[in-house]
Amino acid sequence: MTLEVHLDEQDLARTLRADVRAGLTATPKWLPPKWFYDARGSELFEQITELPEYYPTRSEREILTDRAGEIARLTRARTLLELGSGYSTKTRLLLDALTAEGTLRTFVPMDVSPSALTAAAARIEADYPGLRVHNIVGDLTRHLKHLPGGGNRLVAFLGGTIGNLIPEERSAFLGDLRAVLEPGEHLLLGTDLVKSPSVVVPAYDDAEGVTADFNRNVLRVLNTSLGANFDEDGFAHVALWDPDQEWVEMRLRARWPMKVTIPGVDLVVDFEAGEEIRTEVSAKFRREGIGHELAEAGFALDHWWTDRAGLFGVSLARAVG
């Protein structure tokens, strides 16, 4: 097993400080969703994926269960690279199919969390003897240039995570990814689809309150990492559908006026009652929009699959020209 680190603790700390200073001095306030994911946040997200309201994971798993063999035959990938891999749970469907196809030699998961990477990689090495596992600790918006070359590569970016990027960020990300791929190599992209808000919003505001706890975890991260004194109970979890942007926004809304001190960035932040921090955008997509964004970045959308309920889409695109 190889561990390649492009994002160490000092780099993470610098990035966190920069994001907190920029986001909490902006109007309106915001924080990037990547700061949900300390060990506790990762555990909470795993719980979210099992909730009855949270359809994306089940829907994408259904597609991969049905289509993994076809994906393996179409790509005949020697190297599978997974971006934002986390615990690589659904990826095993692809690993199984590519192993059965007889082409797979290397698995390259990239994530910001070294602990999630190494835990998943140890299990995968044990379950897939002979498979080379090359872990990369990195940020998918900054470190794609470090993805290893060689072999016919398939990049998997699953879970609808691309929806956490606003359009300008998606364009930059897809362009950066195309720049590191050779013509003919593939991108497997998971995208949550536009549907009724009555289905979408509960996926981000479950009855058990797990998503609310996950949302407030960003405050715990700031308290632990930067010495902040956020009162977690002072912020209500909010999930709203924006019909113009066709995305869900998660926010934290101050229940009463507060003054929060954040010594790690030498900052004092005032909140009025009702003031919000936007913590996540989760864009939903249509097939024609995905095809356009991929084409703009230099990909051809060759195959498109949905689950039987039409809630989620997985596209297989090929780097061209």
Protein backbone atom coordinates (compact mmCIF):
# COMPACT_ATOMS: atom_id res chain seq x y z
CA MET A 1 0.00 0.00 0.00
CA THR A 2 1.29 3.46 -0.94
CA LEU A 3 0.32 6.69 0.86
CA GLU A 4 1.01 9.92 -1.04
CA VAL A 5 0.32 13.08 0.97
CA HIS A 6 -0.30 16.46 -0.65
CA LEU A 7 -2.40 17.85 2.18
CA ASP A 8 -0.75 17.65 5.59
CA GLU A 9 -1.98 18.90 8.94
CA GLN A 10 -0.33 22.30 8.54
CA ASP A 11 -1.83 22.76 5.08
CA LEU A 12 -5.27 21.75 6.37
CA ALA A 13 -4.93 24.20 9.26
CA ARG A 14 -3.91 27.04 6.93
CA THR A 15 -6.80 26.30 4.58
CA LEU A 16 -9.28 26.13 7.46
CA ARG A 17 -8.13 29.48 8.82
CA ALA A 18 -8.36 31.10 5.38
CA ASP A 19 -11.85 29.69 4.74
CA VAL A 20 -13.15 30.74 8.16
CA ARG A 21 -11.80 34.25 7.84
CA ALA A 22 -13.18 34.67 4.31
CA GLY A 23 -16.54 33.01 4.96
CA LEU A 24 -17.46 34.48 8.32
CA THR A 25 -16.54 38.05 7.34
CA ALA A 26 -18.61 37.82 4.13
CA THR A 27 -22.19 38.96 3.68
CA PRO A 28 -24.01 36.61 3.78
CA LYS A 29 -21.79 34.30 5.83
CA TRP A 30 -20.67 30.91 4.51
CA LEU A 31 -18.41 27.96 5.28
CA PRO A 32 -17.27 25.23 2.83
CA PRO A 33 -18.86 21.80 3.33
CA LYS A 34 -15.49 20.03 3.41
CA TRP A 35 -15.12 21.12 7.05
CA PHE A 36 -18.00 18.84 8.11
CA TYR A 37 -15.70 15.87 7.73
CA ASP A 38 -13.62 15.26 10.79
CA ALA A 39 -13.90 11.72 12.22
CA ARG A 40 -17.26 12.51 13.85
CA GLY A 41 -18.59 14.18 10.71
CA SER A 42 -17.60 11.21 8.57
CA GLU A 43 -19.43 8.87 10.95
CA LEU A 44 -22.53 11.07 10.83
CA PHE A 45 -22.51 11.12 7.05
CA GLU A 46 -22.32 7.34 6.95
CA GLN A 47 -25.42 7.32 9.17
CA ILE A 48 -27.15 9.77 6.82
CA THR A 49 -26.64 7.45 3.85
CA GLU A 50 -28.70 4.79 5.64
CA LEU A 51 -31.65 7.06 6.51
CA PRO A 52 -34.99 6.40 4.80
CA GLU A 53 -35.16 9.99 3.51
CA TYR A 54 -31.70 9.91 1.96
CA TYR A 55 -32.34 8.35 -1.44
CA PRO A 56 -29.08 9.30 -3.31
CA THR A 57 -26.89 6.53 -1.90
CA ARG A 58 -29.47 3.79 -2.45
CA SER A 59 -30.32 5.05 -5.92
CA GLU A 60 -26.71 5.25 -7.04
CA ARG A 61 -25.97 1.83 -5.56
CA GLU A 62 -28.88 0.40 -7.57
CA ILE A 63 -27.40 1.81 -10.79
CA LEU A 64 -23.92 0.51 -10.02
CA THR A 65 -25.28 -2.91 -9.07
CA ASP A 66 -27.09 -3.11 -12.41
CA ARG A 67 -24.37 -1.54 -14.58
CA ALA A 68 -20.96 -2.25 -13.04
CA GLY A 69 -20.32 -5.18 -15.38
CA GLU A 70 -21.24 -3.05 -18.38
CA ILE A 71 -18.99 -0.23 -17.14
CA ALA A 72 -16.12 -2.69 -16.79
CA ARG A 73 -16.64 -4.02 -20.33
CA LEU A 74 -16.90 -0.53 -21.81
CA THR A 75 -13.81 0.88 -20.08
CA ARG A 76 -11.58 -2.16 -19.51
CA ALA A 77 -9.82 0.06 -16.99
CA ARG A 78 -6.42 -0.94 -15.66
CA THR A 79 -6.50 1.85 -13.05
CA LEU A 80 -9.55 2.98 -11.07
CA LEU A 81 -9.19 6.40 -9.47
CA GLU A 82 -11.84 7.47 -6.98
CA LEU A 83 -12.21 11.13 -5.97
CA GLY A 84 -13.61 11.91 -2.52
CA SER A 85 -13.40 8.23 -1.79
CA GLY A 86 -14.22 8.22 1.93
CA TYR A 87 -14.74 4.60 2.95
CA SER A 88 -15.05 3.40 -0.71
CA THR A 89 -18.24 1.46 0.07
CA LYS A 90 -19.98 1.59 -3.33
CA THR A 91 -16.64 1.40 -5.13
CA ARG A 92 -16.47 -2.31 -4.38
CA LEU A 93 -19.11 -2.87 -7.05
CA LEU A 94 -16.70 -1.41 -9.60
CA LEU A 95 -13.71 -3.23 -8.12
CA ASP A 96 -15.59 -6.53 -8.35
CA ALA A 97 -16.63 -5.92 -11.95
CA LEU A 98 -13.22 -4.75 -13.15
CA THR A 99 -11.54 -7.64 -11.35
CA ALA A 100 -13.93 -10.07 -13.04
CA GLU A 101 -13.16 -8.41 -16.38
CA GLY A 102 -9.51 -9.15 -15.70
CA THR A 103 -8.15 -5.69 -16.45
CA LEU A 104 -7.77 -3.94 -13.09
CA ARG A 105 -4.27 -3.57 -11.67
CA THR A 106 -4.34 -0.43 -9.49
CA PHE A 107 -6.84 1.38 -7.28
CA VAL A 108 -6.14 5.04 -6.46
CA PRO A 109 -8.48 6.61 -3.88
CA MET A 110 -8.13 10.36 -3.17
CA ASP A 111 -9.60 11.98 -0.08
CA VAL A 112 -8.82 14.75 2.41
CA SER A 113 -9.08 12.27 5.28
CA PRO A 114 -6.00 10.07 5.82
CA SER A 115 -7.83 7.97 8.41
CA ALA A 116 -10.73 7.13 6.08
CA LEU A 117 -8.30 6.35 3.26
CA THR A 118 -6.07 4.01 5.20
CA ALA A 119 -8.95 2.21 6.91
CA ALA A 120 -10.69 1.58 3.59
CA ALA A 121 -7.46 0.67 1.81
CA ALA A 122 -6.52 -1.94 4.42
CA ARG A 123 -9.85 -3.70 3.92
CA ILE A 124 -9.59 -3.48 0.13
CA GLU A 125 -6.06 -4.88 0.08
CA ALA A 126 -7.23 -7.79 2.20
CA ASP A 127 -10.25 -8.47 -0.02
CA TYR A 128 -8.53 -7.99 -3.41
CA PRO A 129 -5.18 -9.82 -3.29
CA GLY A 130 -2.76 -8.59 -5.91
CA LEU A 131 -4.48 -5.22 -6.35
CA ARG A 132 -2.08 -2.31 -5.89
CA VAL A 133 -3.61 0.41 -3.70
CA HIS A 134 -2.14 3.90 -4.05
CA ASN A 135 -3.73 6.33 -1.55
CA ILE A 136 -3.58 10.08 -2.19
CA VAL A 137 -4.36 12.55 0.58
CA GLY A 138 -5.43 15.63 -1.31
CA ASP A 139 -8.12 18.16 -2.18
CA LEU A 140 -9.92 17.42 -5.43
CA THR A 141 -10.07 21.13 -6.26
CA ARG A 142 -6.29 21.56 -5.89
CA HIS A 143 -4.42 18.30 -6.33
CA LEU A 144 -5.79 16.53 -9.41
CA LYS A 145 -2.45 17.13 -11.15
CA HIS A 146 -0.95 14.56 -8.79
CA LEU A 147 -3.15 11.69 -10.01
CA PRO A 148 -0.79 9.00 -11.31
CA GLY A 149 -0.66 8.30 -15.02
CA GLY A 150 -0.16 5.06 -16.83
CA GLY A 151 -2.65 2.48 -17.94
CA ASN A 152 -6.20 2.93 -19.16
CA ARG A 153 -7.71 5.00 -16.35
CA LEU A 154 -11.28 5.31 -15.12
CA VAL A 155 -12.00 8.19 -12.72
CA ALA A 156 -15.03 7.68 -10.47
CA PHE A 157 -16.60 10.73 -8.83
CA LEU A 158 -19.69 9.37 -7.14
CA GLY A 159 -22.33 10.28 -4.59
CA GLY A 160 -23.50 13.48 -6.30
CA THR A 161 -20.56 15.27 -4.66
CA ILE A 162 -20.04 17.38 -7.77
CA GLY A 163 -23.24 19.16 -6.73
CA ASN A 164 -21.36 20.73 -3.80
CA LEU A 165 -19.50 22.87 -6.33
CA ILE A 166 -21.14 26.01 -7.72
CA PRO A 167 -21.13 26.27 -11.55
CA GLU A 168 -17.83 28.19 -11.78
CA GLU A 169 -16.15 25.65 -9.50
CA ARG A 170 -17.60 22.72 -11.47
CA SER A 171 -16.26 24.17 -14.71
CA ALA A 172 -12.79 24.59 -13.22
CA PHE A 173 -12.87 21.10 -11.68
CA LEU A 174 -13.94 19.36 -14.89
CA GLY A 175 -11.35 21.32 -16.87
CA ASP A 176 -8.60 20.36 -14.43
CA LEU A 177 -9.67 16.72 -14.56
CA ARG A 178 -9.72 16.66 -18.35
CA ALA A 179 -6.20 18.12 -18.34
CA VAL A 180 -4.81 15.09 -16.50
CA LEU A 181 -6.57 12.45 -18.62
CA GLU A 182 -5.51 11.07 -21.99
CA PRO A 183 -8.01 10.94 -24.87
CA GLY A 184 -10.13 7.83 -24.50
CA GLU A 185 -9.86 7.61 -20.73
CA HIS A 186 -13.11 7.75 -18.79
CA LEU A 187 -15.01 9.64 -16.10
CA LEU A 188 -17.84 7.95 -14.21
CA LEU A 189 -19.92 10.72 -12.65
CA GLY A 190 -22.76 10.43 -10.13
CA THR A 191 -25.34 13.24 -10.21
CA ASP A 192 -28.50 13.75 -8.22
CA LEU A 193 -31.37 14.74 -10.52
CA VAL A 194 -33.89 17.58 -10.38
CA LYS A 195 -37.14 16.39 -8.83
CA SER A 196 -39.90 17.56 -6.52
CA PRO A 197 -38.70 19.52 -3.48
CA SER A 198 -40.95 17.26 -1.41
CA VAL A 199 -38.49 14.45 -2.17
CA VAL A 200 -35.25 16.45 -2.20
CA VAL A 201 -35.57 18.57 0.94
CA PRO A 202 -36.29 15.74 3.44
CA ALA A 203 -33.04 14.09 2.29
CA TYR A 204 -31.29 17.08 3.88
CA ASP A 205 -33.63 17.48 6.85
CA ASP A 206 -34.38 14.01 8.19
CA ALA A 207 -36.88 13.30 10.95
CA GLU A 208 -34.22 11.84 13.27
CA GLY A 209 -32.11 14.98 13.15
CA VAL A 210 -28.93 13.24 11.99
CA THR A 211 -28.41 15.78 9.19
CA ALA A 212 -28.93 18.62 11.65
CA ASP A 213 -26.21 17.14 13.86
CA PHE A 214 -23.98 16.73 10.80
CA ASN A 215 -24.56 20.36 9.81
CA ARG A 216 -23.70 21.64 13.29
CA ASN A 217 -20.57 19.50 13.29
CA VAL A 218 -18.82 22.28 11.38
CA LEU A 219 -19.19 24.42 14.51
CA ARG A 220 -17.64 21.66 16.61
CA VAL A 221 -14.73 21.54 14.16
CA LEU A 222 -14.18 25.28 14.58
CA ASN A 223 -14.44 25.01 18.37
CA THR A 224 -11.92 22.17 18.48
CA SER A 225 -9.50 23.38 15.82
CA LEU A 226 -9.58 27.14 16.32
CA GLY A 227 -10.63 27.52 19.95
CA ALA A 228 -13.96 29.08 18.95
CA ASN A 229 -16.86 29.30 21.40
CA PHE A 230 -19.82 28.55 19.14
CA ASP A 231 -22.90 27.46 21.07
CA GLU A 232 -24.03 24.58 18.86
CA ASP A 233 -27.53 24.62 20.33
CA GLY A 234 -27.79 28.28 19.39
CA PHE A 235 -27.98 27.42 15.69
CA ALA A 236 -30.94 25.78 13.97
CA HIS A 237 -30.45 23.49 10.98
CA VAL A 238 -32.15 24.78 7.82
CA ALA A 239 -32.54 23.07 4.42
CA LEU A 240 -34.08 25.12 1.60
CA TRP A 241 -34.81 24.44 -2.07
CA ASP A 242 -33.74 27.20 -4.49
CA PRO A 243 -35.88 26.74 -7.62
CA ASP A 244 -33.86 29.21 -9.69
CA GLN A 245 -30.50 27.52 -9.05
CA GLU A 246 -32.08 24.05 -8.74
CA TRP A 247 -30.12 23.24 -5.63
CA VAL A 248 -30.61 22.62 -1.92
CA GLU A 249 -28.88 24.94 0.52
CA MET A 250 -28.03 23.85 4.03
CA ARG A 251 -27.70 26.68 6.50
CA LEU A 252 -27.21 27.27 10.20
CA ARG A 253 -29.55 29.95 11.56
CA ALA A 254 -28.77 31.83 14.77
CA ARG A 255 -31.60 31.39 17.26
CA TRP A 256 -30.65 34.54 19.19
CA PRO A 257 -28.03 37.32 18.97
CA MET A 258 -24.52 36.03 19.60
CA LYS A 259 -20.93 37.18 19.71
CA VAL A 260 -18.55 34.36 18.80
CA THR A 261 -14.82 34.55 19.48
CA ILE A 262 -12.48 32.55 17.24
CA PRO A 263 -8.96 32.89 18.68
CA GLY A 264 -7.35 30.74 15.96
CA VAL A 265 -8.01 33.47 13.40
CA ASP A 266 -8.10 36.40 15.83
CA LEU A 267 -11.72 37.08 14.91
CA VAL A 268 -14.89 38.07 16.72
CA VAL A 269 -18.09 37.43 14.76
CA ASP A 270 -21.45 38.97 15.62
CA PHE A 271 -24.70 37.20 14.73
CA GLU A 272 -28.13 38.77 14.76
CA ALA A 273 -31.10 36.57 15.63
CA GLY A 274 -32.11 34.81 12.42
CA GLU A 275 -28.79 35.40 10.67
CA GLU A 276 -27.54 32.40 8.69
CA ILE A 277 -24.32 30.69 7.64
CA ARG A 278 -24.57 28.80 4.35
CA THR A 279 -22.72 25.54 4.88
CA GLU A 280 -23.53 23.54 1.76
CA VAL A 281 -24.96 23.79 -1.72
CA SER A 282 -26.15 20.55 -3.30
CA ALA A 283 -27.02 21.13 -6.94
CA LYS A 284 -29.40 18.84 -8.80
CA PHE A 285 -28.96 18.13 -12.48
CA ARG A 286 -30.66 17.34 -15.77
CA ARG A 287 -29.13 15.10 -18.42
CA GLU A 288 -28.85 17.88 -20.98
CA GLY A 289 -27.10 20.13 -18.48
CA ILE A 290 -24.59 17.45 -17.54
CA GLY A 291 -23.88 16.75 -21.20
CA HIS A 292 -23.25 20.44 -21.85
CA GLU A 293 -20.92 20.88 -18.86
CA LEU A 294 -18.95 17.76 -19.80
CA ALA A 295 -18.66 18.85 -23.44
CA GLU A 296 -17.42 22.30 -22.39
CA ALA A 297 -14.63 20.59 -20.44
CA GLY A 298 -13.63 18.22 -23.26
CA PHE A 299 -15.63 15.09 -22.47
CA ALA A 300 -18.17 13.21 -24.57
CA LEU A 301 -21.10 11.76 -22.63
CA ASP A 302 -21.29 8.25 -24.08
CA HIS A 303 -23.61 6.47 -21.63
CA TRP A 304 -26.29 7.59 -19.19
CA TRP A 305 -28.09 5.46 -16.63
CA THR A 306 -30.68 6.17 -13.94
CA ASP A 307 -32.20 4.12 -11.16
CA ARG A 308 -35.64 2.70 -11.82
CA ALA A 309 -37.35 5.61 -10.01
CA GLY A 310 -35.41 8.19 -12.02
CA LEU A 311 -34.01 9.92 -8.93
CA PHE A 312 -30.30 9.72 -9.68
CA GLY A 313 -28.07 9.65 -12.76
CA VAL A 314 -24.70 8.07 -13.50
CA SER A 315 -22.89 9.09 -16.67
CA LEU A 316 -19.88 7.55 -18.36
CA ALA A 317 -17.95 10.17 -20.27
CA ARG A 318 -14.85 9.88 -22.42
CA ALA A 319 -12.01 12.38 -22.70
CA VAL A 320 -11.87 13.61 -26.29
CA GLY A 321 -9.66 15.63 -28.62
